[in-house]
N, C-alpha and C. Protein backbone atom coordinates (compact mmCIF):
# COMPACT_ATOMS: atom_id res chain seq x y z
N MET A 1 57.18 82.61 128.26
CA MET A 1 56.56 81.71 129.44
C MET A 1 55.67 80.73 128.84
N HIS A 2 55.95 79.39 128.89
CA HIS A 2 55.24 78.11 128.83
C HIS A 2 53.54 78.26 129.22
N LEU A 3 52.66 77.81 128.96
CA LEU A 3 51.23 78.01 129.41
C LEU A 3 51.22 76.92 130.70
N TYR A 4 52.14 76.13 130.93
CA TYR A 4 51.99 74.94 131.71
C TYR A 4 52.34 76.07 133.00
N LYS A 5 53.58 76.49 133.00
CA LYS A 5 53.97 77.67 134.09
C LYS A 5 53.44 78.49 134.22
N CYS A 6 52.76 79.04 133.34
CA CYS A 6 51.58 80.17 134.05
C CYS A 6 50.47 79.51 134.92
N LEU A 7 50.24 78.50 134.10
CA LEU A 7 49.18 77.73 135.34
C LEU A 7 49.41 78.12 136.36
N PHE A 8 50.35 76.66 136.67
CA PHE A 8 50.92 76.38 137.69
C PHE A 8 51.57 77.89 138.92
N MET A 9 51.59 78.74 138.51
CA MET A 9 51.87 80.04 139.05
C MET A 9 50.44 80.49 139.42
N LEU A 10 49.44 80.52 138.72
CA LEU A 10 48.29 81.01 139.28
C LEU A 10 47.57 80.14 140.19
N LYS A 11 47.37 78.85 140.24
CA LYS A 11 47.73 78.10 141.25
C LYS A 11 48.31 78.11 142.76
N ALA A 12 49.31 78.75 142.39
CA ALA A 12 49.92 78.76 144.05
C ALA A 12 50.19 80.35 144.11
N THR A 13 49.30 80.95 143.90
CA THR A 13 49.13 82.51 144.10
C THR A 13 47.61 82.25 145.05
N VAL A 14 47.45 83.49 145.52
CA VAL A 14 46.53 84.13 146.74
C VAL A 14 45.56 85.07 146.01
N LYS A 15 44.65 84.57 145.91
CA LYS A 15 43.32 85.26 145.10
C LYS A 15 42.67 86.48 145.70
N LYS A 16 42.35 87.58 145.45
CA LYS A 16 41.73 88.54 146.06
C LYS A 16 40.62 89.25 145.17
N TYR A 17 39.35 89.38 145.51
CA TYR A 17 38.44 89.86 144.87
C TYR A 17 37.89 91.15 144.99
N TYR A 18 38.05 92.14 143.46
CA TYR A 18 37.63 93.65 143.80
C TYR A 18 36.41 94.12 142.98
N ARG A 19 36.01 94.78 143.48
CA ARG A 19 34.92 95.71 142.25
C ARG A 19 35.20 96.67 141.90
N VAL A 20 35.72 97.42 140.87
CA VAL A 20 36.29 98.55 140.07
C VAL A 20 35.20 98.96 139.25
N ASP A 21 35.40 100.64 139.17
CA ASP A 21 34.92 100.89 138.01
C ASP A 21 35.15 100.39 136.79
N ARG A 22 34.33 99.93 136.19
CA ARG A 22 34.56 99.48 134.95
C ARG A 22 35.37 99.78 133.86
N ARG A 23 35.21 101.26 134.20
CA ARG A 23 35.40 101.93 133.15
C ARG A 23 37.48 101.85 133.19
N GLU A 24 37.97 101.33 134.60
CA GLU A 24 39.37 101.29 135.35
C GLU A 24 39.91 100.05 135.11
N ILE A 25 39.30 99.09 134.68
CA ILE A 25 39.99 97.77 134.72
C ILE A 25 40.90 97.85 133.63
N HIS A 26 41.14 98.44 132.35
CA HIS A 26 42.47 98.46 131.82
C HIS A 26 43.27 98.90 132.73
N PHE A 27 43.18 100.00 133.59
CA PHE A 27 44.36 100.60 133.86
C PHE A 27 44.76 100.22 135.47
N LEU A 28 43.65 99.05 136.23
CA LEU A 28 44.30 98.23 137.21
C LEU A 28 44.86 97.51 136.07
N LYS A 29 44.96 96.87 135.57
CA LYS A 29 45.80 95.74 134.71
C LYS A 29 47.01 96.32 134.55
N PHE A 30 47.07 97.25 134.32
CA PHE A 30 48.17 98.05 133.45
C PHE A 30 49.20 98.72 134.16
N ILE A 31 48.87 98.80 136.04
CA ILE A 31 49.64 99.38 136.95
C ILE A 31 49.30 98.04 137.40
N LEU A 32 49.23 97.22 137.80
CA LEU A 32 49.53 95.71 138.77
C LEU A 32 49.98 94.90 137.98
N GLU A 33 50.19 94.74 136.73
CA GLU A 33 51.23 94.06 136.24
C GLU A 33 52.16 94.47 135.37
N GLY A 34 52.60 96.00 135.58
CA GLY A 34 53.47 96.53 135.72
C GLY A 34 54.73 96.09 136.61
N TYR A 35 54.30 95.78 137.91
CA TYR A 35 55.43 95.26 138.90
C TYR A 35 55.50 94.23 138.28
N ASP A 36 56.21 93.74 137.53
CA ASP A 36 56.58 92.08 137.33
C ASP A 36 56.44 91.32 138.57
N GLY A 37 56.07 90.07 138.65
CA GLY A 37 55.35 89.24 139.43
C GLY A 37 54.50 89.27 140.72
N VAL A 38 54.15 90.97 140.87
CA VAL A 38 53.22 90.86 141.79
C VAL A 38 52.25 90.26 142.06
N ALA A 39 51.55 90.71 140.81
CA ALA A 39 50.04 90.09 140.23
C ALA A 39 49.67 89.98 139.15
N VAL A 40 48.60 89.37 139.00
CA VAL A 40 47.96 89.11 137.37
C VAL A 40 46.36 89.43 137.78
N VAL A 41 46.23 90.38 136.64
CA VAL A 41 44.48 90.84 136.89
C VAL A 41 43.68 89.95 135.97
N ARG A 42 42.63 89.35 136.74
CA ARG A 42 41.60 88.54 135.13
C ARG A 42 40.24 89.19 135.88
N THR A 43 39.84 89.57 134.90
CA THR A 43 38.30 90.18 134.91
C THR A 43 37.00 88.88 134.96
N ILE A 44 36.31 88.95 135.77
CA ILE A 44 35.69 88.09 136.10
C ILE A 44 34.16 88.63 135.79
N ASP A 45 33.70 89.89 135.58
CA ASP A 45 32.10 90.22 134.94
C ASP A 45 32.51 91.88 134.68
N PRO A 46 33.00 92.09 133.50
CA PRO A 46 33.27 93.55 133.14
C PRO A 46 32.28 94.34 132.98
N GLN A 47 31.17 94.04 133.19
CA GLN A 47 29.91 94.77 133.19
C GLN A 47 29.91 95.48 134.73
N GLU A 48 29.84 94.36 135.79
CA GLU A 48 29.59 94.50 137.04
C GLU A 48 31.35 95.10 137.63
N GLY A 49 32.38 95.24 136.53
CA GLY A 49 33.53 95.48 137.29
C GLY A 49 34.57 94.47 138.47
N LEU A 50 33.91 93.34 138.11
CA LEU A 50 34.54 92.23 139.12
C LEU A 50 36.22 91.83 138.42
N VAL A 51 37.31 91.74 139.23
CA VAL A 51 37.99 91.62 139.06
C VAL A 51 38.60 90.70 139.91
N VAL A 52 39.63 89.47 139.68
CA VAL A 52 40.43 88.92 140.60
C VAL A 52 41.88 89.29 140.48
N LEU A 53 42.63 89.18 141.63
CA LEU A 53 44.12 89.93 141.63
C LEU A 53 44.43 87.91 142.15
N HIS A 54 45.03 87.43 141.00
CA HIS A 54 46.02 86.58 141.81
C HIS A 54 47.69 86.91 142.19
N ILE A 55 47.80 86.72 143.45
CA ILE A 55 49.17 87.77 143.76
C ILE A 55 50.17 86.68 144.34
N GLY A 56 51.19 87.03 143.81
CA GLY A 56 52.34 86.01 143.78
C GLY A 56 53.22 85.84 145.11
N PRO A 57 52.95 84.85 145.46
CA PRO A 57 53.80 84.25 146.83
C PRO A 57 54.71 85.23 147.33
N GLY A 58 54.43 85.62 148.45
CA GLY A 58 55.16 86.91 149.24
C GLY A 58 54.99 88.05 148.83
N CYS A 59 53.71 88.29 148.21
CA CYS A 59 53.96 89.82 147.29
C CYS A 59 52.49 90.46 147.63
N GLU A 60 51.75 89.79 148.68
CA GLU A 60 50.42 90.44 149.39
C GLU A 60 50.61 91.50 150.10
N GLY A 61 51.95 91.85 150.84
CA GLY A 61 52.27 92.77 151.00
C GLY A 61 51.92 94.73 150.30
N ILE A 62 52.59 94.13 148.94
CA ILE A 62 53.47 95.21 148.05
C ILE A 62 51.55 95.49 147.23
N ALA A 63 50.99 94.39 146.95
CA ALA A 63 49.76 94.53 145.79
C ALA A 63 48.90 95.00 146.90
N ASP A 64 48.89 95.24 148.38
CA ASP A 64 47.53 96.01 148.85
C ASP A 64 48.28 97.31 148.98
N MET A 65 49.63 97.29 149.31
CA MET A 65 50.10 99.37 149.22
C MET A 65 49.71 99.28 147.33
N ILE A 66 49.79 98.82 146.67
CA ILE A 66 49.44 99.36 145.68
C ILE A 66 47.83 99.49 145.35
N ILE A 67 47.15 98.53 145.57
CA ILE A 67 45.52 98.86 145.65
C ILE A 67 45.33 100.46 146.46
N GLN A 68 46.20 100.28 147.91
CA GLN A 68 45.57 101.50 148.99
C GLN A 68 45.95 102.64 147.95
N ASP A 69 46.89 102.74 147.20
CA ASP A 69 47.50 103.76 146.73
C ASP A 69 46.43 104.46 145.78
N LEU A 70 46.22 103.25 144.55
CA LEU A 70 44.92 103.51 143.53
C LEU A 70 43.74 103.94 144.34
N GLN A 71 43.30 103.12 145.55
CA GLN A 71 42.06 103.75 145.41
C GLN A 71 41.79 105.39 146.10
N ARG A 72 42.93 105.75 145.66
CA ARG A 72 43.14 107.70 145.89
C ARG A 72 41.96 108.32 144.66
N ASP A 73 42.35 107.29 143.76
CA ASP A 73 42.19 108.13 142.28
C ASP A 73 40.73 107.05 141.47
N ILE A 74 41.13 105.96 142.07
CA ILE A 74 39.86 105.03 141.19
C ILE A 74 39.27 104.23 142.38
N ARG A 75 37.92 104.14 142.25
CA ARG A 75 37.10 103.29 143.08
C ARG A 75 37.05 101.39 143.39
N ILE A 76 38.02 101.02 144.12
CA ILE A 76 38.03 99.98 144.28
C ILE A 76 37.91 99.11 145.37
N GLU A 77 37.15 98.15 145.37
CA GLU A 77 36.31 97.53 146.93
C GLU A 77 36.61 96.50 147.02
N ARG A 78 36.95 95.78 147.95
CA ARG A 78 37.06 94.20 148.42
C ARG A 78 35.95 93.76 148.41
N VAL A 79 35.51 92.54 147.76
CA VAL A 79 34.73 91.78 147.48
C VAL A 79 34.99 90.09 148.19
N GLU A 80 33.65 89.28 148.76
CA GLU A 80 34.05 87.99 148.63
C GLU A 80 33.99 87.25 147.57
N LYS A 81 34.53 86.30 147.57
CA LYS A 81 34.70 85.48 146.32
C LYS A 81 33.67 85.89 145.48
N GLY A 82 33.92 86.20 144.25
CA GLY A 82 32.71 86.38 142.73
C GLY A 82 31.98 85.14 142.68
């Protein structure tokens, strides 16, 4: 995918911020990005475990279900904008 298209897609997304166990950031990225087009995870502060999810248009419900399911196994809490 071309860089311009990637940047355009990130602007069209819904952003949700979360704090996760910093040891689980890679796992969260792996799971969410495995659902093609649902969300892209970006790490804001790796020491604090602060991440932002860029959720694709129309995919908020799916992303929320994935997060709820993951909360059974790892610490993920919604936070206000980082």
